[in-house]
């Protein structure tokens, strides 16, 4: 889905130089923009529901009680208010847990993790997966097939 709409946005902005083509956008007042918004939200809801089912099944199998949960979409956009204006904010990639700090709320009431600013300390006790990973995901997948 993302590739389709990315290509559509790039096609709609041929004026962009090649190095900026991946930053192309869709007009959210156009049919394609509204279609993308609806599809992206559907995919986000689907992923969140999938995660909820997986977490419930794991908790049941472990006979564990879930104390809290956090849903953190990645490669997703939200309609937010900044400086008194409604703007679309796209976040590419999940927030690394070790850099996350306390959450603010999105418009739907879900928590949103934010990265600390330059010079701020990461949350203690949470490791940074990318720094301590023994092998890449691709390498692990090829090793343990």
Protein backbone atom coordinates (compact mmCIF):
# COMPACT_ATOMS: atom_id res chain seq x y z
CA UNK A 1 0.00 0.00 0.00
CA UNK A 2 2.74 2.46 0.95
CA UNK A 3 4.65 1.82 -2.28
CA UNK A 4 1.52 2.45 -4.36
CA UNK A 5 0.78 5.80 -2.73
CA UNK A 6 4.45 6.81 -2.65
CA UNK A 7 4.67 6.24 -6.41
CA UNK A 8 1.41 8.11 -6.92
CA UNK A 9 2.74 11.09 -4.92
CA UNK A 10 6.03 11.07 -6.85
CA UNK A 11 4.11 11.00 -10.14
CA UNK A 12 2.11 14.02 -9.00
CA UNK A 13 5.29 16.00 -8.26
CA UNK A 14 7.61 15.67 -11.27
CA UNK A 15 9.09 19.07 -10.37
CA UNK A 16 11.00 17.55 -7.45
CA UNK A 17 14.68 16.85 -8.07
CA UNK A 18 15.62 13.14 -8.00
CA UNK A 19 17.18 13.35 -4.53
CA UNK A 20 13.90 14.72 -3.09
CA UNK A 21 11.42 12.51 -4.95
CA UNK A 22 10.92 10.27 -1.90
CA UNK A 23 9.59 13.35 -0.06
CA UNK A 24 6.65 13.76 -2.44
CA UNK A 25 3.22 14.23 -0.87
CA UNK A 26 -0.45 13.82 -1.63
CA UNK A 27 -2.89 16.70 -1.31
CA UNK A 28 -5.13 15.60 1.56
CA UNK A 29 -8.07 17.45 -0.02
CA UNK A 30 -7.78 15.31 -3.18
CA UNK A 31 -9.42 11.94 -3.80
CA UNK A 32 -6.03 10.20 -3.68
CA UNK A 33 -5.11 11.96 -0.42
CA UNK A 34 -8.40 11.04 1.27
CA UNK A 35 -8.10 7.47 -0.05
CA UNK A 36 -4.56 7.20 1.33
CA UNK A 37 -5.65 8.59 4.72
CA UNK A 38 -8.49 6.05 4.98
CA UNK A 39 -6.28 3.14 3.85
CA UNK A 40 -3.43 4.10 6.19
CA UNK A 41 -5.79 4.31 9.17
CA UNK A 42 -7.36 0.97 8.24
CA UNK A 43 -3.89 -0.62 8.11
CA UNK A 44 -2.99 0.98 11.47
CA UNK A 45 -6.19 -0.35 13.07
CA UNK A 46 -5.51 -3.80 11.57
CA UNK A 47 -1.94 -3.85 12.93
CA UNK A 48 -3.08 -2.69 16.38
CA UNK A 49 -5.80 -5.38 16.48
CA UNK A 50 -3.26 -8.02 15.42
CA UNK A 51 -0.86 -6.94 18.16
CA UNK A 52 -3.66 -7.04 20.74
CA UNK A 53 -4.58 -10.62 19.77
CA UNK A 54 -0.94 -11.74 19.82
CA UNK A 55 -0.37 -10.15 23.23
CA UNK A 56 -3.57 -11.71 24.64
CA UNK A 57 -2.56 -15.16 23.40
CA UNK A 58 0.94 -14.84 24.85
CA UNK A 59 -0.40 -13.64 28.21
CA UNK A 60 -2.88 -16.55 28.27
CA UNK A 61 -0.19 -19.10 27.35
CA UNK A 62 2.07 -17.73 30.09
CA UNK A 63 -0.82 -17.44 32.54
CA UNK A 64 0.32 -13.87 33.07
CA UNK A 65 -1.63 -10.74 33.86
CA UNK A 66 -1.04 -7.79 31.52
CA UNK A 67 -0.32 -4.74 33.63
CA UNK A 68 -0.13 -2.13 30.85
CA UNK A 69 0.05 -1.81 27.11
CA UNK A 70 1.37 0.70 24.63
CA UNK A 71 0.48 0.86 20.96
CA UNK A 72 3.16 2.62 18.92
CA UNK A 73 2.45 2.77 15.19
CA UNK A 74 5.40 3.37 12.89
CA UNK A 75 5.51 4.77 9.38
CA UNK A 76 2.22 6.45 10.14
CA UNK A 77 0.74 9.94 10.08
CA UNK A 78 -1.45 11.72 12.59
CA UNK A 79 -3.51 14.87 12.36
CA UNK A 80 -2.19 17.05 15.18
CA UNK A 81 -2.32 20.62 16.33
CA UNK A 82 0.95 22.56 16.30
CA UNK A 83 1.21 26.32 16.78
CA UNK A 84 -2.57 26.58 16.61
CA UNK A 85 -2.81 24.81 13.22
CA UNK A 86 -4.03 21.33 12.29
CA UNK A 87 -1.16 19.60 10.49
CA UNK A 88 -0.40 16.09 9.30
CA UNK A 89 2.68 14.66 11.01
CA UNK A 90 4.38 11.61 9.52
CA UNK A 91 6.66 9.51 11.69
CA UNK A 92 8.87 7.13 9.73
CA UNK A 93 10.05 4.18 11.77
CA UNK A 94 9.25 3.22 15.32
CA UNK A 95 10.58 5.28 18.19
CA UNK A 96 13.59 3.43 19.62
CA UNK A 97 12.54 2.43 23.16
CA UNK A 98 15.77 3.59 24.80
CA UNK A 99 15.25 7.08 23.45
CA UNK A 100 11.61 7.33 24.37
CA UNK A 101 10.47 9.46 27.24
CA UNK A 102 7.08 10.02 28.79
CA UNK A 103 4.19 10.15 26.44
CA UNK A 104 1.81 12.82 25.33
CA UNK A 105 -1.59 11.94 23.89
CA UNK A 106 -2.57 11.71 20.27
CA UNK A 107 -5.99 12.96 19.25
CA UNK A 108 -7.46 9.49 19.81
CA UNK A 109 -6.16 9.37 23.39
CA UNK A 110 -3.45 6.79 22.67
CA UNK A 111 -0.04 7.52 24.17
CA UNK A 112 2.72 8.64 21.85
CA UNK A 113 6.34 8.13 22.75
CA UNK A 114 8.64 11.04 22.07
CA UNK A 115 12.38 11.20 21.70
CA UNK A 116 14.28 13.44 24.08
CA UNK A 117 15.98 16.44 22.56
CA UNK A 118 19.71 16.59 21.89
CA UNK A 119 21.61 16.27 25.17
CA UNK A 120 18.75 14.72 27.14
CA UNK A 121 19.30 11.32 28.68
CA UNK A 122 17.48 8.20 27.43
CA UNK A 123 15.05 6.37 29.69
CA UNK A 124 17.14 4.27 32.13
CA UNK A 125 16.87 0.50 32.13
CA UNK A 126 15.77 0.09 28.51
CA UNK A 127 18.36 -1.19 26.10
CA UNK A 128 18.88 0.14 22.62
CA UNK A 129 18.20 -2.82 20.32
CA UNK A 130 20.14 -1.52 17.32
CA UNK A 131 23.35 -0.87 19.23
CA UNK A 132 23.51 -4.25 20.97
CA UNK A 133 22.08 -6.45 18.26
CA UNK A 134 24.37 -9.36 17.50
CA UNK A 135 23.22 -9.59 13.89
CA UNK A 136 20.88 -7.81 11.53
CA UNK A 137 17.30 -9.02 11.09
CA UNK A 138 18.17 -10.23 7.59
CA UNK A 139 21.21 -12.11 8.88
CA UNK A 140 19.14 -13.70 11.68
CA UNK A 141 16.38 -14.70 9.25
CA UNK A 142 18.92 -16.32 6.90
CA UNK A 143 20.76 -18.03 9.78
CA UNK A 144 17.73 -19.50 11.54
CA UNK A 145 15.47 -20.60 8.66
